Each structure stands twice: as C-alpha cells, then as structure tokens.
Amino acid sequence: MFEIDYEFIPPLSYRDSTTSSFGTEMMNHNRPEEYLVGILKQEIIVSRKKNDGQIIGFVSYKPNHLIKTKDGKSIACYYITTIGVTKGWRGHGVANQFYRSIEEIVKKQTESNFVATRTWSTNKTHIKILTDLGYENILTIENDRGSGIHTVYFSKKIFDNE
C-alpha cells in the first residue's frame, strides 16, 4: 500500500476511511494507519508473484454497501473501496482480474447484483478499465477532490434478480 499511496487523489494516507467523502476538512491529516485499519476490516483479494510470493496488488471491498446514484436512489452493491497494483505489474491485467474475481463472487450469491467503485476524473487508466469491463458512470461529484478533479462513481449490474 505504501508504494501506491501518493498515486491516489487524495493520497490514501490522507483519508479518514475507505468510504468517506472528500473535501478540505479531510485533506492533509496524514493518517495512513486509519486507512489501513479500515481496509483490514474489509474483504481483501491479494495478487502475488508466483516465484517469490511478493504482493503485486490488492483489492478491498465491502459486500452489501449502499451507494447513491444520480437520481438519488440508493443501491446495495459489492463496493470496491481500494484497488492498487504495483508499478511493475501494471498493464498485465491484474486490475481486470480483480474485477472479474469480485464479479464471480457476486454471481454466487443473491443479496446484491451490482459491483460499484469510485475513482477520480483524471484517473484515465482506471476509468478505461472500468468502461472496457462494462461499468457505467452512476454519479459524478464535481470538484470533490480539488478544483477540476471530480469523484466519479461507476457500477455494473452482474445479474437480474427481478
């Protein structure tokens, strides 16, 4: 986590939790322990190198988490709170596999039929991964992470439960 900390906007170590909103009152607290403790209370999938077991990425998520959509409705989803891949392993499909793994978990249960996550508007690589996998923008909070940097929520319906 420390390798990828400052690649996030805001950095992970500046956040109070994995699901809180952003804004100036939250910035510059520099509390990596709080964020890490929050991740450790969630479901986690880790990817490791085959030869030496070194961690190359992880995804943390919350089953049955409620998020709001553009029209103000709340949906229950498997909410991906943090996804990170070390620099040397980016572009090798690790993030795609994390999303596919969570989608497979969702297919095996009946409580929630959505996977959702959020990112920031200038994180073009993550947004491309999400759109290529069929995720749709469900909410944008303008200037949430600073001037011109919006928080963007994406979700994907995995199965019909109606």
C-alpha atoms as a PDB file:
ATOM      1  CA  MET A   1       0.000   0.000   0.000  1.00  0.00           C
ATOM      2  CA  PHE A   2       2.847   2.381   0.742  1.00  0.00           C
ATOM      3  CA  GLU A   3       4.161   2.137  -2.828  1.00  0.00           C
ATOM      4  CA  ILE A   4       0.845   3.315  -4.297  1.00  0.00           C
ATOM      5  CA  ASP A   5      -0.265   5.716  -1.517  1.00  0.00           C
ATOM      6  CA  TYR A   6       0.557   9.025  -3.212  1.00  0.00           C
ATOM      7  CA  GLU A   7      -0.717   7.928  -6.617  1.00  0.00           C
ATOM      8  CA  PHE A   8      -4.270   8.394  -5.336  1.00  0.00           C
ATOM      9  CA  ILE A   9      -6.043  11.747  -5.159  1.00  0.00           C
ATOM     10  CA  PRO A  10      -6.079  12.445  -2.282  1.00  0.00           C
ATOM     11  CA  PRO A  11      -3.345  10.068  -1.102  1.00  0.00           C
ATOM     12  CA  LEU A  12      -4.664   7.089   0.846  1.00  0.00           C
ATOM     13  CA  SER A  13      -2.738   8.169   3.934  1.00  0.00           C
ATOM     14  CA  TYR A  14      -4.683  11.462   3.994  1.00  0.00           C
ATOM     15  CA  ARG A  15      -8.060   9.743   4.179  1.00  0.00           C
ATOM     16  CA  ASP A  16     -10.064   9.039   7.288  1.00  0.00           C
ATOM     17  CA  SER A  17     -11.816   5.971   5.866  1.00  0.00           C
ATOM     18  CA  THR A  18     -12.316   3.946   2.703  1.00  0.00           C
ATOM     19  CA  THR A  19     -15.817   5.278   2.042  1.00  0.00           C
ATOM     20  CA  SER A  20     -15.949   8.854   3.363  1.00  0.00           C
ATOM     21  CA  SER A  21     -16.467  11.856   1.149  1.00  0.00           C
ATOM     22  CA  PHE A  22     -13.661  14.223   0.334  1.00  0.00           C
ATOM     23  CA  GLY A  23     -13.135  17.924   0.880  1.00  0.00           C
ATOM     24  CA  THR A  24     -10.722  20.305   2.511  1.00  0.00           C
ATOM     25  CA  GLU A  25     -11.641  19.263   6.060  1.00  0.00           C
ATOM     26  CA  MET A  26     -10.285  15.806   5.327  1.00  0.00           C
ATOM     27  CA  MET A  27      -7.130  16.689   3.419  1.00  0.00           C
ATOM     28  CA  ASN A  28      -3.631  16.707   4.940  1.00  0.00           C
ATOM     29  CA  HIS A  29      -4.407  14.635   8.016  1.00  0.00           C
ATOM     30  CA  ASN A  30      -1.722  12.123   7.005  1.00  0.00           C
ATOM     31  CA  ARG A  31      -3.147   9.172   8.929  1.00  0.00           C
ATOM     32  CA  PRO A  32      -2.132   6.046   6.998  1.00  0.00           C
ATOM     33  CA  GLU A  33      -2.895   3.838   9.987  1.00  0.00           C
ATOM     34  CA  GLU A  34      -6.597   4.763   9.987  1.00  0.00           C
ATOM     35  CA  TYR A  35      -6.992   3.957   6.325  1.00  0.00           C
ATOM     36  CA  LEU A  36      -5.085   0.679   6.628  1.00  0.00           C
ATOM     37  CA  VAL A  37      -7.166  -0.380   9.641  1.00  0.00           C
ATOM     38  CA  GLY A  38     -10.293   0.292   7.560  1.00  0.00           C
ATOM     39  CA  ILE A  39      -9.028  -1.897   4.722  1.00  0.00           C
ATOM     40  CA  LEU A  40      -8.163  -4.721   7.100  1.00  0.00           C
ATOM     41  CA  LYS A  41     -11.802  -4.807   8.289  1.00  0.00           C
ATOM     42  CA  GLN A  42     -12.963  -5.498   4.722  1.00  0.00           C
ATOM     43  CA  GLU A  43     -12.820  -8.408   2.333  1.00  0.00           C
ATOM     44  CA  ILE A  44      -9.451  -8.420   0.540  1.00  0.00           C
ATOM     45  CA  ILE A  45      -8.109 -10.209  -2.523  1.00  0.00           C
ATOM     46  CA  VAL A  46      -4.343 -10.182  -2.977  1.00  0.00           C
ATOM     47  CA  SER A  47      -2.311 -10.975  -6.082  1.00  0.00           C
ATOM     48  CA  ARG A  48       1.193 -12.369  -5.594  1.00  0.00           C
ATOM     49  CA  LYS A  49       4.121 -13.180  -7.831  1.00  0.00           C
ATOM     50  CA  LYS A  50       4.346 -16.912  -8.421  1.00  0.00           C
ATOM     51  CA  ASN A  51       8.087 -17.222  -7.914  1.00  0.00           C
ATOM     52  CA  ASP A  52       8.523 -15.449  -4.572  1.00  0.00           C
ATOM     53  CA  GLY A  53       5.048 -14.635  -3.236  1.00  0.00           C
ATOM     54  CA  GLN A  54       5.652 -10.880  -3.278  1.00  0.00           C
ATOM     55  CA  ILE A  55       2.396  -8.893  -3.298  1.00  0.00           C
ATOM     56  CA  ILE A  56       1.844  -7.134  -6.628  1.00  0.00           C
ATOM     57  CA  GLY A  57      -1.653  -5.822  -5.999  1.00  0.00           C
ATOM     58  CA  PHE A  58      -4.757  -5.937  -3.851  1.00  0.00           C
ATOM     59  CA  VAL A  59      -8.405  -5.029  -3.886  1.00  0.00           C
ATOM     60  CA  SER A  60     -10.566  -4.410  -0.827  1.00  0.00           C
ATOM     61  CA  TYR A  61     -14.342  -4.407  -0.917  1.00  0.00           C
ATOM     62  CA  LYS A  62     -17.489  -4.276   1.169  1.00  0.00           C
ATOM     63  CA  PRO A  63     -20.396  -6.621   0.391  1.00  0.00           C
ATOM     64  CA  ASN A  64     -23.870  -5.089   0.584  1.00  0.00           C
ATOM     65  CA  HIS A  65     -22.746  -1.480   0.837  1.00  0.00           C
ATOM     66  CA  LEU A  66     -25.248   1.281  -0.054  1.00  0.00           C
ATOM     67  CA  ILE A  67     -24.313   3.992  -2.553  1.00  0.00           C
ATOM     68  CA  LYS A  68     -26.377   6.748  -4.154  1.00  0.00           C
ATOM     69  CA  THR A  69     -26.998   7.218  -7.878  1.00  0.00           C
ATOM     70  CA  LYS A  70     -27.548  10.390  -9.941  1.00  0.00           C
ATOM     71  CA  ASP A  71     -31.294  10.253  -9.280  1.00  0.00           C
ATOM     72  CA  GLY A  72     -30.789   9.969  -5.506  1.00  0.00           C
ATOM     73  CA  LYS A  73     -31.696   6.281  -5.266  1.00  0.00           C
ATOM     74  CA  SER A  74     -29.618   4.009  -3.070  1.00  0.00           C
ATOM     75  CA  ILE A  75     -28.401   0.696  -4.417  1.00  0.00           C
ATOM     76  CA  ALA A  76     -26.892  -2.193  -2.492  1.00  0.00           C
ATOM     77  CA  CYS A  77     -23.663  -3.354  -4.075  1.00  0.00           C
ATOM     78  CA  TYR A  78     -20.344  -5.015  -3.634  1.00  0.00           C
ATOM     79  CA  TYR A  79     -18.389  -1.797  -3.215  1.00  0.00           C
ATOM     80  CA  ILE A  80     -14.732  -1.815  -4.193  1.00  0.00           C
ATOM     81  CA  THR A  81     -13.077   0.602  -1.787  1.00  0.00           C
ATOM     82  CA  THR A  82      -9.439   0.340  -2.886  1.00  0.00           C
ATOM     83  CA  ILE A  83      -7.665  -1.281  -5.796  1.00  0.00           C
ATOM     84  CA  GLY A  84      -3.945  -0.980  -6.354  1.00  0.00           C
ATOM     85  CA  VAL A  85      -1.292  -2.638  -8.479  1.00  0.00           C
ATOM     86  CA  THR A  86       2.446  -2.041  -8.114  1.00  0.00           C
ATOM     87  CA  LYS A  87       4.117  -0.129 -10.932  1.00  0.00           C
ATOM     88  CA  GLY A  88       5.984  -3.094 -12.396  1.00  0.00           C
ATOM     89  CA  TRP A  89       2.781  -5.108 -12.823  1.00  0.00           C
ATOM     90  CA  ARG A  90       0.504  -2.501 -14.358  1.00  0.00           C
ATOM     91  CA  GLY A  91      -0.675  -3.314 -17.843  1.00  0.00           C
ATOM     92  CA  HIS A  92      -0.617  -7.074 -17.154  1.00  0.00           C
ATOM     93  CA  GLY A  93      -4.343  -7.448 -16.452  1.00  0.00           C
ATOM     94  CA  VAL A  94      -4.111  -7.610 -12.662  1.00  0.00           C
ATOM     95  CA  ALA A  95      -6.819  -4.976 -12.079  1.00  0.00           C
ATOM     96  CA  ASN A  96      -9.066  -6.627 -14.688  1.00  0.00           C
ATOM     97  CA  GLN A  97      -8.689  -9.941 -12.873  1.00  0.00           C
ATOM     98  CA  PHE A  98      -9.601  -8.320  -9.558  1.00  0.00           C
ATOM     99  CA  TYR A  99     -12.848  -7.007 -11.068  1.00  0.00           C
ATOM    100  CA  ARG A 100     -13.617 -10.368 -12.671  1.00  0.00           C
ATOM    101  CA  SER A 101     -12.976 -12.146  -9.360  1.00  0.00           C
ATOM    102  CA  ILE A 102     -15.410  -9.917  -7.496  1.00  0.00           C
ATOM    103  CA  GLU A 103     -17.984 -10.316 -10.270  1.00  0.00           C
ATOM    104  CA  GLU A 104     -17.689 -14.103  -9.875  1.00  0.00           C
ATOM    105  CA  ILE A 105     -18.247 -13.750  -6.124  1.00  0.00           C
ATOM    106  CA  VAL A 106     -21.378 -11.668  -6.797  1.00  0.00           C
ATOM    107  CA  LYS A 107     -22.727 -14.285  -9.247  1.00  0.00           C
ATOM    108  CA  LYS A 108     -22.625 -16.906  -6.475  1.00  0.00           C
ATOM    109  CA  GLN A 109     -24.902 -15.008  -4.082  1.00  0.00           C
ATOM    110  CA  THR A 110     -28.339 -13.392  -4.259  1.00  0.00           C
ATOM    111  CA  GLU A 111     -28.144 -10.387  -1.939  1.00  0.00           C
ATOM    112  CA  SER A 112     -26.790  -7.787  -4.343  1.00  0.00           C
ATOM    113  CA  ASN A 113     -26.496  -7.763  -8.114  1.00  0.00           C
ATOM    114  CA  PHE A 114     -24.204  -4.732  -8.520  1.00  0.00           C
ATOM    115  CA  VAL A 115     -20.489  -4.061  -8.230  1.00  0.00           C
ATOM    116  CA  ALA A 116     -19.548  -0.418  -7.719  1.00  0.00           C
ATOM    117  CA  THR A 117     -16.474   1.691  -7.126  1.00  0.00           C
ATOM    118  CA  ARG A 118     -15.311   5.261  -7.347  1.00  0.00           C
ATOM    119  CA  THR A 119     -12.276   6.993  -8.744  1.00  0.00           C
ATOM    120  CA  TRP A 120     -11.254  10.495  -9.687  1.00  0.00           C
ATOM    121  CA  SER A 121     -11.936  12.113 -13.040  1.00  0.00           C
ATOM    122  CA  THR A 122      -8.272  12.429 -14.052  1.00  0.00           C
ATOM    123  CA  ASN A 123      -7.569   8.726 -13.412  1.00  0.00           C
ATOM    124  CA  LYS A 124      -7.961   7.874 -17.105  1.00  0.00           C
ATOM    125  CA  THR A 125      -6.366   4.417 -16.843  1.00  0.00           C
ATOM    126  CA  HIS A 126      -8.809   3.235 -14.181  1.00  0.00           C
ATOM    127  CA  ILE A 127     -11.773   4.781 -15.996  1.00  0.00           C
ATOM    128  CA  LYS A 128     -10.766   2.944 -19.203  1.00  0.00           C
ATOM    129  CA  ILE A 129     -10.538  -0.366 -17.313  1.00  0.00           C
ATOM    130  CA  LEU A 130     -13.995   0.216 -15.845  1.00  0.00           C
ATOM    131  CA  THR A 131     -15.665   1.202 -19.123  1.00  0.00           C
ATOM    132  CA  ASP A 132     -13.972  -1.653 -21.011  1.00  0.00           C
ATOM    133  CA  LEU A 133     -15.424  -4.059 -18.425  1.00  0.00           C
ATOM    134  CA  GLY A 134     -18.927  -2.611 -18.866  1.00  0.00           C
ATOM    135  CA  TYR A 135     -19.144  -0.348 -15.823  1.00  0.00           C
ATOM    136  CA  GLU A 136     -21.257   2.788 -16.190  1.00  0.00           C
ATOM    137  CA  ASN A 137     -20.960   6.202 -14.556  1.00  0.00           C
ATOM    138  CA  ILE A 138     -23.757   6.474 -11.989  1.00  0.00           C
ATOM    139  CA  LEU A 139     -22.723   9.658 -10.193  1.00  0.00           C
ATOM    140  CA  THR A 140     -20.193  12.469 -10.524  1.00  0.00           C
ATOM    141  CA  ILE A 141     -19.440  14.837  -7.664  1.00  0.00           C
ATOM    142  CA  GLU A 142     -17.813  17.904  -9.193  1.00  0.00           C
ATOM    143  CA  ASN A 143     -14.635  19.364  -7.684  1.00  0.00           C
ATOM    144  CA  ASP A 144     -14.875  16.865  -4.820  1.00  0.00           C
ATOM    145  CA  ARG A 145     -11.130  16.179  -4.793  1.00  0.00           C
ATOM    146  CA  GLY A 146      -9.963  19.661  -5.665  1.00  0.00           C
ATOM    147  CA  SER A 147     -10.562  22.203  -8.398  1.00  0.00           C
ATOM    148  CA  GLY A 148     -11.389  20.343 -11.606  1.00  0.00           C
ATOM    149  CA  ILE A 149     -10.986  16.896 -10.031  1.00  0.00           C
ATOM    150  CA  HIS A 150     -14.308  15.138  -9.660  1.00  0.00           C
ATOM    151  CA  THR A 151     -15.217  11.959  -7.803  1.00  0.00           C
ATOM    152  CA  VAL A 152     -16.733   9.547 -10.310  1.00  0.00           C
ATOM    153  CA  TYR A 153     -18.809   6.519  -9.252  1.00  0.00           C
ATOM    154  CA  PHE A 154     -19.206   3.525 -11.560  1.00  0.00           C
ATOM    155  CA  SER A 155     -21.353   0.409 -11.263  1.00  0.00           C
ATOM    156  CA  LYS A 156     -22.168  -2.719 -13.205  1.00  0.00           C
ATOM    157  CA  LYS A 157     -25.207  -4.954 -12.908  1.00  0.00           C
ATOM    158  CA  ILE A 158     -23.962  -8.523 -12.725  1.00  0.00           C
ATOM    159  CA  PHE A 159     -27.247 -10.457 -12.871  1.00  0.00           C
ATOM    160  CA  ASP A 160     -31.001  -9.872 -12.874  1.00  0.00           C
ATOM    161  CA  ASN A 161     -32.682 -10.701  -9.607  1.00  0.00           C
ATOM    162  CA  GLU A 162     -36.147  -9.468 -10.555  1.00  0.00           C
END
